[in-house]
Amino acid sequence: MTVRVPTSGSPSGTEGARPDDARRHNRSAVLRRLHRAGPCTRAVLAAELGLNRSTIKAVVDGLAESGLVSERLPSKRSGAGRPSLLVLPNPQAAVVLAVDIRVDRVSMAVVGLGGEILGRLSWRLKVGVEKPRDVLTRVLESAPMLASELGSLVVGAGVSVPGVVRRPDGLVREAPHLHWVDVPLGEQLAAGLRVPVAVANDAELGALAEHTRGIARDANDLLFVECDFGVGGGVISGGSALRGAGGYLGELGHMVVRPEGLECHCGLRGCWETEVGGPALCRALGLPADTARGELLASLRELDADPVEALGRLGEFAGWLSLGLINVVNLLAPELVVLGDPLGALPGPVLDTVVQRVAERSMVSRAIGHTGVVRSSLGRDAQLVGAAELAFDPVLDVAAGQNP
């Protein structure tokens, strides 16, 4: 089966109570469970989704006939008797394109149903000088090559951008470190790829990735913070993304923490970004501001073995990071703060200091017992995984609603 997603609109599968609506809703629920949490038995599906066994049988049989799922014996047997078959998603049944645009690099991947990365490529960008049309052209040239290696048809695309994005049409309103303003990225990519394209802020997609496939799967309220060059935040509140008016929430880097501090590119002085952004981290380590990411991460790893040196060089940085996190935790009351790279690569003693300060000085953290501050489990792939999940969201509903 080939899943074909319409370019505008998609059935939700949740309206009304007609048999077709119920069938579509149940198929979507089962497919989403398998896509996000992986293979399981029919009995587990019935228990988790609150459906009876006959309904699960009908749904799984229908999805299998459509080629979306298959069943097999588990690789390891436990106990006596015949083992239950595992239901697992077919990665080739629906494939999306994920694109992660950074200030210094672009990464692309084709991702199959179930979240499996089937192929990837990346290339470096010249910081601050790459034009949107050049990035767009290379993405459009690279996408068919990635997909052709699999012999699969890409049915949707998700794009992560380090900037302010208008979600309905994918307009990049401003990506300051790329020097992009009012770039109709979503429309241009959709026209070139001929599939639906969704574009979102990189930190928002980092939060989505950690919530669906990372360390924050069990957290309903979380904050994802990353400092690739600037500082951005993604918020999950009550299990759903918090976006604010126009979808422009998350510009945490422009919270003023040091009024007499350095001038920020936004025109203010002392923004959090000037104290804990990528260039600030390089400065604390005695590295040039344009140090390659690999070298920066290597420097952080070297400090991990020397607590005294780590705290000596990054103590002030840890102070500013803690101050900003305390403010945001008091405002949003997350149960978990996830630090994306390179913050997630901070030496253990430095991270321990940040965790302790947030726990001791945040009113909210003290009130709820403890706000966890943890490293991203997805690391450099967080935004790429988030972009794939963004693309899959409408695909899963459409796939579930299509007949064999």
Protein backbone atom coordinates (compact mmCIF):
# COMPACT_ATOMS: atom_id res chain seq x y z
CA MET A 1 0.00 0.00 0.00
CA THR A 2 1.15 3.54 -0.73
CA VAL A 3 -0.16 6.23 1.60
CA ARG A 4 -1.16 9.36 -0.30
CA VAL A 5 -1.68 12.51 1.73
CA PRO A 6 -3.80 15.33 0.28
CA THR A 7 -2.07 18.68 0.01
CA SER A 8 -4.71 20.44 2.08
CA GLY A 9 -6.74 19.11 4.96
CA SER A 10 -6.86 15.61 6.39
CA PRO A 11 -9.63 13.64 8.06
CA SER A 12 -9.41 13.65 11.80
CA GLY A 13 -11.19 10.35 12.19
CA THR A 14 -12.82 11.49 15.44
CA GLU A 15 -16.04 13.24 14.33
CA GLY A 16 -19.45 11.62 14.64
CA ALA A 17 -20.39 8.14 15.75
CA ARG A 18 -20.97 6.39 12.41
CA PRO A 19 -19.34 2.96 11.93
CA ASP A 20 -16.86 4.37 9.42
CA ASP A 21 -15.87 7.12 11.85
CA ALA A 22 -15.37 4.66 14.70
CA ARG A 23 -13.36 2.34 12.46
CA ARG A 24 -11.13 5.17 11.29
CA HIS A 25 -10.66 6.43 14.85
CA ASN A 26 -9.67 2.98 16.11
CA ARG A 27 -7.29 2.38 13.21
CA SER A 28 -5.67 5.76 13.86
CA ALA A 29 -5.31 5.04 17.59
CA VAL A 30 -3.68 1.65 16.96
CA LEU A 31 -1.38 3.00 14.25
CA ARG A 32 -0.27 5.92 16.43
CA ARG A 33 0.44 3.59 19.35
CA LEU A 34 2.58 1.31 17.20
CA HIS A 35 4.33 4.23 15.49
CA ARG A 36 5.33 5.94 18.72
CA ALA A 37 5.83 3.10 21.18
CA GLY A 38 6.84 0.21 18.96
CA PRO A 39 5.74 -3.42 18.57
CA CYS A 40 3.42 -5.08 21.06
CA THR A 41 0.84 -7.84 21.20
CA ARG A 42 -2.86 -7.51 20.43
CA ALA A 43 -3.59 -8.02 24.11
CA VAL A 44 -1.42 -5.04 25.04
CA LEU A 45 -3.12 -2.90 22.39
CA ALA A 46 -6.53 -3.83 23.78
CA ALA A 47 -5.48 -3.02 27.35
CA GLU A 48 -3.77 0.29 26.56
CA LEU A 49 -6.43 1.61 24.17
CA GLY A 50 -9.48 0.33 26.06
CA LEU A 51 -10.80 -1.68 23.12
CA ASN A 52 -12.19 -5.21 23.22
CA ARG A 53 -10.32 -8.07 21.60
CA SER A 54 -12.70 -8.48 18.69
CA THR A 55 -12.28 -4.81 17.79
CA ILE A 56 -8.49 -5.06 18.03
CA LYS A 57 -8.56 -8.16 15.82
CA ALA A 58 -10.59 -6.37 13.17
CA VAL A 59 -8.36 -3.27 13.30
CA VAL A 60 -5.06 -5.18 13.17
CA ASP A 61 -6.31 -7.44 10.39
CA GLY A 62 -7.38 -4.40 8.39
CA LEU A 63 -4.08 -2.59 8.92
CA ALA A 64 -2.19 -5.74 7.96
CA GLU A 65 -4.25 -6.09 4.78
CA SER A 66 -3.40 -2.48 3.97
CA GLY A 67 0.30 -3.27 4.41
CA LEU A 68 0.70 -0.83 7.29
CA VAL A 69 1.52 -3.46 9.92
CA SER A 70 2.67 -7.06 10.10
CA GLU A 71 2.81 -9.73 12.80
CA ARG A 72 5.65 -12.00 13.83
CA LEU A 73 6.84 -14.14 16.70
CA PRO A 74 9.01 -12.35 19.28
CA SER A 75 12.74 -12.97 18.96
CA LYS A 76 12.92 -14.07 22.60
CA ARG A 77 10.48 -16.49 24.17
CA SER A 78 9.52 -16.38 27.82
CA GLY A 79 7.51 -18.98 29.71
CA ALA A 80 5.75 -22.09 28.48
CA GLY A 81 3.15 -22.29 25.75
CA ARG A 82 2.83 -20.61 22.42
CA PRO A 83 4.08 -17.01 22.45
CA SER A 84 1.77 -14.20 21.34
CA LEU A 85 2.46 -12.56 18.01
CA LEU A 86 3.88 -9.05 18.00
CA VAL A 87 2.17 -6.39 15.89
CA LEU A 88 4.72 -4.05 14.34
CA PRO A 89 4.56 -1.11 11.92
CA ASN A 90 5.89 -1.55 8.38
CA PRO A 91 8.52 1.21 7.94
CA GLN A 92 8.19 1.24 4.14
CA ALA A 93 4.41 1.71 4.22
CA ALA A 94 4.71 5.45 4.90
CA VAL A 95 7.95 7.42 4.54
CA VAL A 96 8.47 11.10 5.35
CA LEU A 97 11.32 13.53 4.80
CA ALA A 98 12.83 15.28 7.85
CA VAL A 99 15.00 18.38 7.43
CA ASP A 100 16.95 20.08 10.22
CA ILE A 101 18.33 23.48 9.16
CA ARG A 102 20.96 24.81 11.56
CA VAL A 103 23.11 27.90 11.40
CA ASP A 104 26.15 25.88 10.35
CA ARG A 105 24.68 22.68 8.95
CA VAL A 106 21.70 21.03 7.25
CA SER A 107 20.72 17.44 8.01
CA MET A 108 18.14 15.41 6.12
CA ALA A 109 16.67 11.98 6.69
CA VAL A 110 13.98 9.74 5.30
CA VAL A 111 12.05 8.21 8.18
CA GLY A 112 9.71 5.25 7.99
CA LEU A 113 6.55 4.42 9.90
CA GLY A 114 7.59 3.57 13.44
CA GLY A 115 10.28 6.25 13.48
CA GLU A 116 13.07 4.24 11.86
CA ILE A 117 15.64 6.42 10.08
CA LEU A 118 16.08 4.72 6.71
CA GLY A 119 18.68 7.03 5.22
CA ARG A 120 20.35 10.36 5.94
CA LEU A 121 22.79 12.96 4.70
CA SER A 122 24.12 16.33 5.83
CA TRP A 123 26.30 19.21 4.69
CA ARG A 124 27.89 22.24 6.27
CA LEU A 125 26.78 25.83 5.79
CA LYS A 126 28.88 28.96 5.77
CA VAL A 127 27.70 30.74 8.90
CA GLY A 128 25.64 33.84 8.16
CA VAL A 129 26.12 33.89 4.38
CA GLU A 130 23.94 31.07 3.01
CA LYS A 131 20.94 32.34 1.02
CA PRO A 132 17.53 30.70 1.49
CA ARG A 133 17.34 29.78 -2.21
CA ASP A 134 20.68 27.93 -2.00
CA VAL A 135 19.52 25.84 0.95
CA LEU A 136 16.15 25.25 -0.70
CA THR A 137 17.75 24.14 -3.95
CA ARG A 138 20.02 21.63 -2.28
CA VAL A 139 17.18 20.18 -0.20
CA LEU A 140 15.07 19.73 -3.34
CA GLU A 141 17.98 18.13 -5.17
CA SER A 142 18.86 15.80 -2.28
CA ALA A 143 15.36 14.58 -1.38
CA PRO A 144 14.80 12.42 -4.51
CA MET A 145 18.23 10.83 -4.10
CA LEU A 146 17.49 9.82 -0.52
CA ALA A 147 14.06 8.44 -1.38
CA SER A 148 15.20 6.62 -4.54
CA GLU A 149 17.68 4.56 -2.55
CA LEU A 150 14.70 3.07 -0.71
CA GLY A 151 12.37 2.75 -3.65
CA SER A 152 9.75 4.51 -1.52
CA LEU A 153 7.48 7.46 -2.13
CA VAL A 154 7.82 10.33 0.35
CA VAL A 155 4.34 11.36 1.51
CA GLY A 156 5.14 14.39 3.66
CA ALA A 157 7.95 16.53 5.02
CA GLY A 158 8.79 18.29 8.27
CA VAL A 159 11.38 21.05 8.63
CA SER A 160 13.13 22.45 11.70
CA VAL A 161 14.38 26.05 11.53
CA PRO A 162 16.23 28.13 14.17
CA GLY A 163 13.84 31.05 14.06
CA VAL A 164 10.32 32.40 14.37
CA VAL A 165 7.96 30.41 12.15
CA ARG A 166 4.33 31.03 11.15
CA ARG A 167 2.97 27.51 11.43
CA PRO A 168 -0.05 27.61 9.05
CA ASP A 169 2.05 28.23 5.92
CA GLY A 170 5.63 27.68 7.08
CA LEU A 171 6.75 31.29 6.63
CA VAL A 172 10.06 31.86 8.40
CA ARG A 173 9.32 35.29 9.83
CA GLU A 174 12.84 35.73 11.15
CA ALA A 175 15.84 33.45 11.64
CA PRO A 176 18.37 35.98 12.94
CA HIS A 177 21.47 33.78 13.00
CA LEU A 178 20.75 32.67 9.41
CA HIS A 179 19.94 36.29 8.44
CA TRP A 180 16.63 35.13 6.95
CA VAL A 181 13.56 37.38 7.02
CA ASP A 182 10.09 36.54 5.64
CA VAL A 183 11.16 33.40 3.77
CA PRO A 184 8.16 31.38 2.45
CA LEU A 185 10.00 28.13 3.11
CA GLY A 186 6.95 25.93 3.59
CA GLU A 187 5.26 27.02 0.38
CA GLN A 188 8.43 26.76 -1.69
CA LEU A 189 9.32 23.29 -0.42
CA ALA A 190 5.75 22.04 -0.87
CA ALA A 191 5.78 23.24 -4.47
CA GLY A 192 9.11 21.58 -5.17
CA LEU A 193 8.51 18.31 -3.31
CA ARG A 194 4.81 18.04 -4.26
CA VAL A 195 3.89 16.79 -0.79
CA PRO A 196 2.53 18.54 2.32
CA VAL A 197 5.29 20.36 4.21
CA ALA A 198 5.18 21.55 7.82
CA VAL A 199 7.78 23.94 9.22
CA ALA A 200 8.38 24.70 12.91
CA ASN A 201 10.87 26.25 15.31
CA ASP A 202 13.80 23.99 16.21
CA ALA A 203 13.28 24.14 19.98
CA GLU A 204 9.58 23.32 19.63
CA LEU A 205 10.51 20.25 17.60
CA GLY A 206 13.16 19.29 20.15
CA ALA A 207 10.43 19.29 22.80
CA LEU A 208 8.15 17.22 20.54
CA ALA A 209 10.92 14.69 19.90
CA GLU A 210 11.83 14.23 23.55
CA HIS A 211 8.15 13.96 24.50
CA THR A 212 7.35 11.30 21.88
CA ARG A 213 10.61 9.34 21.56
CA GLY A 214 13.07 10.63 24.13
CA ILE A 215 13.68 11.03 27.82
CA ALA A 216 10.43 12.94 28.46
CA ARG A 217 7.96 10.30 27.24
CA ASP A 218 6.33 10.10 30.66
CA ALA A 219 6.25 13.87 31.29
CA ASN A 220 3.11 15.87 30.50
CA ASP A 221 4.74 19.22 31.28
CA LEU A 222 8.26 19.82 30.03
CA LEU A 223 10.62 22.47 28.80
CA PHE A 224 13.25 21.80 26.14
CA VAL A 225 16.14 24.31 26.03
CA GLU A 226 18.89 24.39 23.41
CA CYS A 227 21.66 26.85 22.57
CA ASP A 228 22.96 25.96 19.13
CA PHE A 229 23.89 29.60 18.46
CA GLY A 230 21.02 31.46 20.05
CA VAL A 231 18.84 30.09 22.84
CA GLY A 232 15.40 28.67 22.20
CA GLY A 233 12.78 26.87 24.23
CA GLY A 234 10.02 24.41 23.40
CA VAL A 235 7.17 23.81 25.84
CA ILE A 236 4.84 20.84 26.28
CA SER A 237 1.98 21.69 28.64
CA GLY A 238 -0.62 19.12 29.61
CA GLY A 239 0.75 16.78 26.96
CA SER A 240 0.37 19.27 24.09
CA ALA A 241 2.66 21.86 22.54
CA LEU A 242 2.28 25.37 23.92
CA ARG A 243 2.71 27.85 21.05
CA GLY A 244 1.32 31.22 22.08
CA ALA A 245 -0.16 33.84 19.75
CA GLY A 246 0.80 33.11 16.15
CA GLY A 247 2.92 30.17 17.27
CA TYR A 248 5.75 32.47 18.31
CA LEU A 249 6.30 31.21 21.87
CA GLY A 250 9.71 30.07 23.03
CA GLU A 251 12.10 32.99 22.50
CA LEU A 252 13.65 32.42 25.90
CA GLY A 253 17.01 33.69 24.73
CA HIS A 254 15.70 37.26 24.75
CA MET A 255 14.75 37.26 28.42
CA VAL A 256 16.94 39.98 29.93
CA VAL A 257 19.06 38.62 32.80
CA ARG A 258 21.94 41.11 32.87
CA PRO A 259 20.85 44.67 31.92
CA GLU A 260 24.44 45.93 31.88
CA GLY A 261 25.63 42.96 29.83
CA LEU A 262 26.54 42.51 26.18
CA GLU A 263 24.41 43.92 23.39
CA CYS A 264 22.24 41.32 21.70
CA HIS A 265 21.46 41.21 17.98
CA CYS A 266 17.81 41.93 18.87
CA GLY A 267 18.80 45.44 20.05
CA LEU A 268 18.49 44.79 23.79
CA ARG A 269 21.36 44.41 26.21
CA GLY A 270 21.99 41.49 28.55
CA CYS A 271 19.69 38.90 26.95
CA TRP A 272 20.05 35.36 28.31
CA GLU A 273 21.35 34.39 24.88
CA THR A 274 24.40 36.61 25.31
CA GLU A 275 25.36 34.69 28.48
CA VAL A 276 24.54 31.07 27.58
CA GLY A 277 24.29 30.92 23.79
CA GLY A 278 26.74 28.97 21.66
CA PRO A 279 29.25 31.84 21.33
CA ALA A 280 29.09 32.43 25.11
CA LEU A 281 29.89 28.77 25.75
CA CYS A 282 32.84 28.98 23.37
CA ARG A 283 34.01 32.14 25.13
CA ALA A 284 33.88 30.41 28.52
CA LEU A 285 36.01 27.58 27.12
CA GLY A 286 38.51 29.97 25.55
CA LEU A 287 37.50 28.94 22.02
CA PRO A 288 36.73 31.16 19.00
CA ALA A 289 33.03 31.98 18.63
CA ASP A 290 32.90 30.13 15.29
CA THR A 291 34.42 26.91 16.66
CA ALA A 292 33.05 23.83 14.87
CA ARG A 293 30.49 21.90 16.86
CA GLY A 294 32.60 18.74 16.99
CA GLU A 295 35.52 20.60 18.53
CA LEU A 296 33.24 22.31 21.07
CA LEU A 297 31.76 19.00 22.18
CA ALA A 298 35.22 17.45 22.39
CA SER A 299 36.35 20.27 24.70
CA LEU A 300 33.36 19.65 26.95
CA ARG A 301 34.10 15.92 27.09
CA GLU A 302 37.71 16.59 28.11
CA LEU A 303 36.52 18.65 31.08
CA ASP A 304 34.26 15.84 32.30
CA ALA A 305 37.25 14.05 33.84
CA ASP A 306 38.41 17.09 35.85
CA PRO A 307 35.67 18.51 38.12
CA VAL A 308 37.84 21.32 39.47
CA GLU A 309 38.84 22.51 35.99
CA ALA A 310 35.28 22.15 34.71
CA LEU A 311 33.80 24.30 37.47
CA GLY A 312 36.65 26.78 37.23
CA ARG A 313 36.11 27.42 33.53
CA LEU A 314 32.33 27.04 33.39
CA GLY A 315 31.28 28.22 36.84
CA GLU A 316 30.06 31.64 35.69
CA PHE A 317 28.35 30.08 32.65
CA ALA A 318 26.56 27.66 35.01
CA GLY A 319 25.43 30.61 37.10
CA TRP A 320 23.76 32.38 34.19
CA LEU A 321 22.25 29.13 32.92
CA SER A 322 20.82 28.44 36.38
CA LEU A 323 19.40 31.97 36.71
CA GLY A 324 17.53 31.74 33.42
CA LEU A 325 16.22 28.26 34.18
CA ILE A 326 15.01 29.34 37.62
CA ASN A 327 13.02 32.18 36.02
CA VAL A 328 11.47 29.93 33.39
CA VAL A 329 10.69 27.13 35.85
CA ASN A 330 8.92 29.62 38.11
CA LEU A 331 6.90 30.84 35.12
CA LEU A 332 5.97 27.54 33.45
CA ALA A 333 6.19 24.98 36.28
CA PRO A 334 7.44 22.06 34.16
CA GLU A 335 8.05 18.70 35.78
CA LEU A 336 11.10 18.21 33.57
CA VAL A 337 13.67 20.46 31.86
CA VAL A 338 15.51 18.79 29.00
CA LEU A 339 18.81 20.32 27.87
CA GLY A 340 19.56 19.88 24.19
CA ASP A 341 23.05 19.98 22.71
CA PRO A 342 25.47 21.52 23.45
CA LEU A 343 23.96 22.20 26.90
CA GLY A 344 23.28 18.49 27.17
CA ALA A 345 27.02 17.86 26.81
CA LEU A 346 28.03 19.99 29.82
CA PRO A 347 30.45 18.19 32.17
CA GLY A 348 28.80 16.28 35.00
CA PRO A 349 29.98 18.59 37.81
CA VAL A 350 28.66 21.65 35.95
CA LEU A 351 25.29 20.06 35.28
CA ASP A 352 25.07 18.92 38.90
CA THR A 353 25.57 22.53 40.01
CA VAL A 354 22.77 23.72 37.72
CA VAL A 355 20.42 20.98 38.95
CA GLN A 356 21.11 21.86 42.57
CA ARG A 357 20.58 25.60 42.08
CA VAL A 358 17.29 25.12 40.24
CA ALA A 359 16.06 22.76 42.96
CA GLU A 360 17.06 25.12 45.78
CA ARG A 361 16.15 28.51 44.33
CA SER A 362 13.05 27.90 42.24
CA MET A 363 9.83 28.40 44.19
CA VAL A 364 7.98 26.06 41.85
CA SER A 365 10.62 23.34 42.07
CA ARG A 366 10.44 23.43 45.87
CA ALA A 367 6.63 23.43 45.80
CA ILE A 368 6.25 20.38 43.55
CA GLY A 369 9.11 18.51 45.20
CA HIS A 370 11.65 18.68 42.42
CA THR A 371 11.90 19.83 38.82
CA GLY A 372 14.18 17.45 36.98
CA VAL A 373 16.93 18.93 34.82
CA VAL A 374 18.27 16.26 32.45
CA ARG A 375 20.29 15.82 29.29
CA SER A 376 18.51 15.17 26.00
CA SER A 377 18.52 11.48 25.18
CA LEU A 378 18.33 12.20 21.44
CA GLY A 379 21.28 14.60 21.32
CA ARG A 380 22.05 16.04 17.92
CA ASP A 381 19.15 14.14 16.34
CA ALA A 382 16.43 15.75 18.47
CA GLN A 383 15.29 18.30 15.88
CA LEU A 384 15.51 15.78 13.05
CA VAL A 385 13.31 13.35 14.99
CA GLY A 386 10.92 16.17 15.83
CA ALA A 387 10.68 17.21 12.18
CA ALA A 388 9.78 13.63 11.24
CA GLU A 389 7.06 13.49 13.90
CA LEU A 390 5.69 16.81 12.65
CA ALA A 391 5.40 15.34 9.16
CA PHE A 392 3.88 12.07 10.37
CA ASP A 393 1.04 13.69 12.33
CA PRO A 394 -1.35 14.11 9.35
CA VAL A 395 0.03 11.04 7.59
CA LEU A 396 -1.08 8.68 10.35
CA ASP A 397 -4.68 9.86 10.24
CA VAL A 398 -4.84 9.64 6.45
CA ALA A 399 -3.20 6.20 6.38
CA ALA A 400 -5.61 4.91 8.98
CA GLY A 401 -8.59 6.16 6.99
CA GLN A 402 -7.61 4.61 3.67
CA ASN A 403 -9.07 1.27 2.65
CA PRO A 404 -6.85 -1.67 1.61
